[in-house]
Amino acid sequence: MLVSLGSAMFILIIMQTGGQQTSADALSRVIQGIAAGVGFLGAGEIVRQSSQESQRLEIHGLTSAAAIWVSAALGSAAGSGLWQLGLIGSLLTFLVLNVFKRLEKHHNSS
């Protein structure tokens, strides 16, 4: 939630300070910065969960990292006033996370 809120606030800051003169370049740079910054958060999540004592290389936290990244996109959409896109994206994200969690549970129980 905080990643979405922060993303929306960055977009709103640019839109409010630029008034009617907000350029597409300014919004593009802010969105690029959000995507890159949140990418580092996601990488940190993967590395944090992967530090096991095992000698095997394993990837953990990929779904969490992707969810963080999607929440930043949803916040950016909301901050840009694209509430329909944010709503559809939220519903699809919820659907994907729930469906794949059920598939994973079914696969692990087999």
N, C-alpha and C. Protein backbone atom coordinates (compact mmCIF):
# COMPACT_ATOMS: atom_id res chain seq x y z
N MET A 1 0.82 -1.19 0.00
CA MET A 1 0.00 0.00 0.00
C MET A 1 0.86 1.26 0.00
N LEU A 2 1.94 1.21 0.75
CA LEU A 2 2.81 2.38 0.81
C LEU A 2 3.52 2.64 -0.51
N VAL A 3 3.88 1.58 -1.23
CA VAL A 3 4.51 1.76 -2.54
C VAL A 3 3.51 2.42 -3.50
N SER A 4 2.26 1.98 -3.49
CA SER A 4 1.24 2.59 -4.34
C SER A 4 1.00 4.04 -3.96
N LEU A 5 0.89 4.30 -2.67
CA LEU A 5 0.67 5.67 -2.20
C LEU A 5 1.83 6.57 -2.59
N GLY A 6 3.04 6.11 -2.38
CA GLY A 6 4.21 6.90 -2.74
C GLY A 6 4.28 7.18 -4.23
N SER A 7 3.99 6.19 -5.04
CA SER A 7 3.99 6.37 -6.49
C SER A 7 2.95 7.40 -6.92
N ALA A 8 1.76 7.27 -6.36
CA ALA A 8 0.70 8.23 -6.69
C ALA A 8 1.10 9.64 -6.27
N MET A 9 1.73 9.77 -5.11
CA MET A 9 2.13 11.09 -4.64
C MET A 9 3.19 11.71 -5.54
N PHE A 10 4.16 10.92 -6.01
CA PHE A 10 5.17 11.46 -6.92
C PHE A 10 4.53 11.99 -8.20
N ILE A 11 3.57 11.24 -8.73
CA ILE A 11 2.88 11.68 -9.93
C ILE A 11 2.08 12.95 -9.65
N LEU A 12 1.36 12.96 -8.54
CA LEU A 12 0.55 14.13 -8.20
C LEU A 12 1.40 15.37 -7.97
N ILE A 13 2.56 15.20 -7.37
CA ILE A 13 3.45 16.35 -7.16
C ILE A 13 3.81 16.99 -8.48
N ILE A 14 4.19 16.18 -9.45
CA ILE A 14 4.56 16.71 -10.76
C ILE A 14 3.36 17.39 -11.41
N MET A 15 2.20 16.76 -11.32
CA MET A 15 1.01 17.32 -11.96
C MET A 15 0.58 18.62 -11.29
N GLN A 16 0.71 18.69 -9.97
CA GLN A 16 0.28 19.89 -9.25
C GLN A 16 1.25 21.04 -9.40
N THR A 17 2.53 20.74 -9.40
CA THR A 17 3.51 21.83 -9.51
C THR A 17 3.63 22.35 -10.93
N GLY A 18 3.28 21.53 -11.90
CA GLY A 18 3.35 21.96 -13.30
C GLY A 18 2.07 22.60 -13.79
N GLY A 19 0.98 22.44 -13.03
CA GLY A 19 -0.30 22.99 -13.46
C GLY A 19 -0.71 22.42 -14.80
N GLN A 20 -1.20 23.28 -15.67
CA GLN A 20 -1.61 22.86 -17.00
C GLN A 20 -0.41 22.62 -17.90
N GLN A 21 0.76 23.07 -17.46
CA GLN A 21 1.96 22.98 -18.30
C GLN A 21 2.76 21.70 -18.05
N THR A 22 2.20 20.74 -17.32
CA THR A 22 2.91 19.49 -17.06
C THR A 22 3.23 18.81 -18.37
N SER A 23 4.51 18.60 -18.60
CA SER A 23 4.92 17.99 -19.87
C SER A 23 4.92 16.47 -19.77
N ALA A 24 4.77 15.86 -20.93
CA ALA A 24 4.83 14.40 -20.99
C ALA A 24 6.22 13.92 -20.60
N ASP A 25 7.25 14.73 -20.91
CA ASP A 25 8.62 14.37 -20.54
C ASP A 25 8.79 14.30 -19.02
N ALA A 26 8.22 15.26 -18.31
CA ALA A 26 8.33 15.28 -16.85
C ALA A 26 7.65 14.05 -16.24
N LEU A 27 6.45 13.75 -16.71
CA LEU A 27 5.75 12.57 -16.21
C LEU A 27 6.49 11.30 -16.56
N SER A 28 7.04 11.25 -17.76
CA SER A 28 7.80 10.08 -18.19
C SER A 28 9.02 9.86 -17.28
N ARG A 29 9.71 10.92 -16.96
CA ARG A 29 10.90 10.80 -16.09
C ARG A 29 10.51 10.34 -14.69
N VAL A 30 9.40 10.85 -14.17
CA VAL A 30 8.96 10.43 -12.84
C VAL A 30 8.58 8.95 -12.85
N ILE A 31 7.84 8.53 -13.85
CA ILE A 31 7.44 7.13 -13.93
C ILE A 31 8.65 6.23 -14.09
N GLN A 32 9.63 6.64 -14.89
CA GLN A 32 10.86 5.86 -15.05
C GLN A 32 11.60 5.76 -13.72
N GLY A 33 11.65 6.86 -12.97
CA GLY A 33 12.31 6.84 -11.66
C GLY A 33 11.60 5.93 -10.68
N ILE A 34 10.28 5.95 -10.70
CA ILE A 34 9.51 5.07 -9.82
C ILE A 34 9.79 3.61 -10.16
N ALA A 35 9.74 3.29 -11.46
CA ALA A 35 9.96 1.90 -11.89
C ALA A 35 11.36 1.42 -11.50
N ALA A 36 12.36 2.27 -11.69
CA ALA A 36 13.73 1.88 -11.33
C ALA A 36 13.89 1.74 -9.82
N GLY A 37 13.37 2.68 -9.08
CA GLY A 37 13.49 2.63 -7.62
C GLY A 37 12.79 1.42 -7.03
N VAL A 38 11.61 1.13 -7.53
CA VAL A 38 10.86 -0.01 -7.03
C VAL A 38 11.52 -1.31 -7.46
N GLY A 39 12.22 -1.29 -8.60
CA GLY A 39 12.99 -2.46 -9.01
C GLY A 39 14.05 -2.81 -7.98
N PHE A 40 14.67 -1.80 -7.38
CA PHE A 40 15.64 -2.05 -6.32
C PHE A 40 14.98 -2.64 -5.08
N LEU A 41 13.78 -2.16 -4.76
CA LEU A 41 13.04 -2.76 -3.63
C LEU A 41 12.75 -4.23 -3.89
N GLY A 42 12.31 -4.53 -5.11
CA GLY A 42 12.02 -5.92 -5.47
C GLY A 42 13.25 -6.79 -5.43
N ALA A 43 14.37 -6.27 -5.93
CA ALA A 43 15.63 -7.04 -5.89
C ALA A 43 16.04 -7.31 -4.44
N GLY A 44 15.84 -6.33 -3.59
CA GLY A 44 16.15 -6.52 -2.17
C GLY A 44 15.28 -7.59 -1.54
N GLU A 45 14.04 -7.66 -1.97
CA GLU A 45 13.12 -8.69 -1.46
C GLU A 45 13.59 -10.07 -1.89
N ILE A 46 14.01 -10.21 -3.13
CA ILE A 46 14.48 -11.50 -3.64
C ILE A 46 15.76 -11.92 -2.92
N VAL A 47 16.70 -11.01 -2.80
CA VAL A 47 17.98 -11.33 -2.15
C VAL A 47 17.77 -11.67 -0.68
N ARG A 48 16.89 -10.92 -0.01
CA ARG A 48 16.63 -11.16 1.40
C ARG A 48 16.08 -12.56 1.63
N GLN A 49 15.15 -12.98 0.81
CA GLN A 49 14.53 -14.28 0.99
C GLN A 49 15.40 -15.41 0.47
N SER A 50 16.39 -15.11 -0.35
CA SER A 50 17.22 -16.17 -0.93
C SER A 50 18.43 -16.51 -0.07
N SER A 51 18.70 -15.76 0.96
CA SER A 51 19.91 -15.99 1.75
C SER A 51 19.68 -17.15 2.73
N GLN A 52 19.73 -18.34 2.22
CA GLN A 52 19.60 -19.56 3.01
C GLN A 52 21.00 -20.15 3.22
N GLU A 53 21.10 -21.09 4.12
CA GLU A 53 22.38 -21.75 4.36
C GLU A 53 22.66 -22.82 3.31
N SER A 54 21.70 -23.05 2.45
CA SER A 54 21.85 -24.06 1.40
C SER A 54 22.95 -23.65 0.43
N GLN A 55 23.64 -24.62 -0.13
CA GLN A 55 24.68 -24.36 -1.11
C GLN A 55 24.08 -24.19 -2.51
N ARG A 56 22.81 -24.58 -2.67
CA ARG A 56 22.14 -24.44 -3.97
C ARG A 56 21.65 -23.02 -4.18
N LEU A 57 21.72 -22.57 -5.42
CA LEU A 57 21.19 -21.26 -5.77
C LEU A 57 19.68 -21.39 -5.95
N GLU A 58 18.94 -20.66 -5.15
CA GLU A 58 17.48 -20.70 -5.22
C GLU A 58 16.95 -19.28 -5.34
N ILE A 59 15.83 -19.17 -6.01
CA ILE A 59 15.18 -17.87 -6.15
C ILE A 59 13.92 -17.90 -5.31
N HIS A 60 13.83 -16.97 -4.38
CA HIS A 60 12.65 -16.83 -3.52
C HIS A 60 12.21 -15.38 -3.55
N GLY A 61 10.94 -15.15 -3.38
CA GLY A 61 10.43 -13.79 -3.28
C GLY A 61 10.12 -13.14 -4.62
N LEU A 62 10.11 -13.90 -5.69
CA LEU A 62 9.86 -13.32 -7.00
C LEU A 62 8.43 -12.79 -7.11
N THR A 63 7.48 -13.52 -6.56
CA THR A 63 6.09 -13.06 -6.59
C THR A 63 5.93 -11.80 -5.75
N SER A 64 6.57 -11.76 -4.60
CA SER A 64 6.51 -10.56 -3.76
C SER A 64 7.13 -9.37 -4.47
N ALA A 65 8.24 -9.59 -5.13
CA ALA A 65 8.91 -8.51 -5.87
C ALA A 65 8.01 -8.01 -7.01
N ALA A 66 7.37 -8.92 -7.71
CA ALA A 66 6.48 -8.54 -8.80
C ALA A 66 5.26 -7.78 -8.27
N ALA A 67 4.75 -8.21 -7.12
CA ALA A 67 3.61 -7.52 -6.52
C ALA A 67 3.98 -6.10 -6.10
N ILE A 68 5.19 -5.91 -5.60
CA ILE A 68 5.66 -4.56 -5.24
C ILE A 68 5.72 -3.70 -6.50
N TRP A 69 6.24 -4.25 -7.57
CA TRP A 69 6.38 -3.52 -8.83
C TRP A 69 5.01 -3.15 -9.39
N VAL A 70 4.06 -4.09 -9.36
CA VAL A 70 2.71 -3.83 -9.86
C VAL A 70 2.02 -2.78 -8.99
N SER A 71 2.25 -2.82 -7.69
CA SER A 71 1.61 -1.82 -6.83
C SER A 71 2.11 -0.42 -7.15
N ALA A 72 3.36 -0.29 -7.56
CA ALA A 72 3.88 1.01 -7.99
C ALA A 72 3.19 1.46 -9.27
N ALA A 73 2.96 0.55 -10.19
CA ALA A 73 2.26 0.89 -11.43
C ALA A 73 0.82 1.30 -11.14
N LEU A 74 0.17 0.60 -10.22
CA LEU A 74 -1.20 0.95 -9.85
C LEU A 74 -1.26 2.33 -9.21
N GLY A 75 -0.30 2.64 -8.37
CA GLY A 75 -0.24 3.96 -7.76
C GLY A 75 0.01 5.04 -8.79
N SER A 76 0.86 4.75 -9.76
CA SER A 76 1.14 5.72 -10.83
C SER A 76 -0.12 5.97 -11.66
N ALA A 77 -0.86 4.91 -11.94
CA ALA A 77 -2.11 5.07 -12.69
C ALA A 77 -3.11 5.91 -11.90
N ALA A 78 -3.22 5.63 -10.62
CA ALA A 78 -4.16 6.38 -9.78
C ALA A 78 -3.74 7.85 -9.68
N GLY A 79 -2.46 8.09 -9.49
CA GLY A 79 -1.97 9.45 -9.40
C GLY A 79 -2.15 10.23 -10.69
N SER A 80 -2.15 9.53 -11.80
CA SER A 80 -2.33 10.17 -13.11
C SER A 80 -3.80 10.39 -13.44
N GLY A 81 -4.68 9.93 -12.58
CA GLY A 81 -6.11 10.09 -12.82
C GLY A 81 -6.72 8.99 -13.68
N LEU A 82 -5.96 7.94 -13.92
CA LEU A 82 -6.45 6.83 -14.73
C LEU A 82 -7.09 5.78 -13.83
N TRP A 83 -8.19 6.14 -13.19
CA TRP A 83 -8.78 5.26 -12.19
C TRP A 83 -9.32 3.98 -12.80
N GLN A 84 -9.79 4.02 -14.06
CA GLN A 84 -10.28 2.80 -14.69
C GLN A 84 -9.15 1.80 -14.89
N LEU A 85 -8.01 2.30 -15.35
CA LEU A 85 -6.84 1.43 -15.52
C LEU A 85 -6.39 0.87 -14.17
N GLY A 86 -6.38 1.70 -13.15
CA GLY A 86 -6.01 1.24 -11.82
C GLY A 86 -6.96 0.18 -11.29
N LEU A 87 -8.25 0.37 -11.52
CA LEU A 87 -9.24 -0.60 -11.05
C LEU A 87 -9.10 -1.92 -11.79
N ILE A 88 -8.97 -1.87 -13.10
CA ILE A 88 -8.80 -3.10 -13.88
C ILE A 88 -7.49 -3.79 -13.50
N GLY A 89 -6.42 -3.02 -13.37
CA GLY A 89 -5.13 -3.58 -12.96
C GLY A 89 -5.19 -4.23 -11.58
N SER A 90 -5.91 -3.59 -10.66
CA SER A 90 -6.06 -4.16 -9.31
C SER A 90 -6.80 -5.47 -9.34
N LEU A 91 -7.89 -5.50 -10.10
CA LEU A 91 -8.67 -6.74 -10.20
C LEU A 91 -7.86 -7.87 -10.84
N LEU A 92 -7.14 -7.54 -11.91
CA LEU A 92 -6.31 -8.57 -12.56
C LEU A 92 -5.19 -9.05 -11.66
N THR A 93 -4.58 -8.13 -10.92
CA THR A 93 -3.51 -8.51 -9.99
C THR A 93 -4.05 -9.44 -8.91
N PHE A 94 -5.19 -9.08 -8.35
CA PHE A 94 -5.83 -9.90 -7.32
C PHE A 94 -6.16 -11.28 -7.88
N LEU A 95 -6.69 -11.32 -9.09
CA LEU A 95 -7.03 -12.59 -9.72
C LEU A 95 -5.79 -13.45 -9.95
N VAL A 96 -4.75 -12.86 -10.51
CA VAL A 96 -3.52 -13.62 -10.78
C VAL A 96 -2.91 -14.15 -9.50
N LEU A 97 -2.80 -13.31 -8.48
CA LEU A 97 -2.18 -13.76 -7.23
C LEU A 97 -2.98 -14.87 -6.57
N ASN A 98 -4.30 -14.78 -6.61
CA ASN A 98 -5.12 -15.83 -6.00
C ASN A 98 -5.12 -17.12 -6.79
N VAL A 99 -5.24 -17.02 -8.10
CA VAL A 99 -5.27 -18.23 -8.94
C VAL A 99 -3.96 -18.99 -8.83
N PHE A 100 -2.85 -18.28 -8.93
CA PHE A 100 -1.57 -18.97 -8.89
C PHE A 100 -1.24 -19.50 -7.50
N LYS A 101 -1.72 -18.85 -6.45
CA LYS A 101 -1.52 -19.39 -5.11
C LYS A 101 -2.26 -20.72 -4.96
N ARG A 102 -3.48 -20.78 -5.50
CA ARG A 102 -4.24 -22.03 -5.44
C ARG A 102 -3.58 -23.12 -6.28
N LEU A 103 -3.09 -22.75 -7.47
CA LEU A 103 -2.39 -23.73 -8.31
C LEU A 103 -1.13 -24.24 -7.62
N GLU A 104 -0.42 -23.34 -6.96
CA GLU A 104 0.80 -23.74 -6.25
C GLU A 104 0.49 -24.69 -5.09
N LYS A 105 -0.56 -24.40 -4.35
CA LYS A 105 -0.97 -25.28 -3.26
C LYS A 105 -1.37 -26.64 -3.78
N HIS A 106 -2.10 -26.65 -4.90
CA HIS A 106 -2.54 -27.92 -5.50
C HIS A 106 -1.34 -28.71 -6.00
N HIS A 107 -0.38 -28.02 -6.61
CA HIS A 107 0.83 -28.68 -7.13
C HIS A 107 1.68 -29.25 -5.99
N ASN A 108 1.81 -28.50 -4.91
CA ASN A 108 2.63 -28.96 -3.77
C ASN A 108 1.98 -30.10 -3.01
N SER A 109 0.65 -30.19 -3.05
CA SER A 109 -0.02 -31.28 -2.33
C SER A 109 -0.03 -32.58 -3.13
N SER A 110 0.28 -32.49 -4.42
CA SER A 110 0.28 -33.69 -5.28
C SER A 110 1.51 -34.51 -5.09
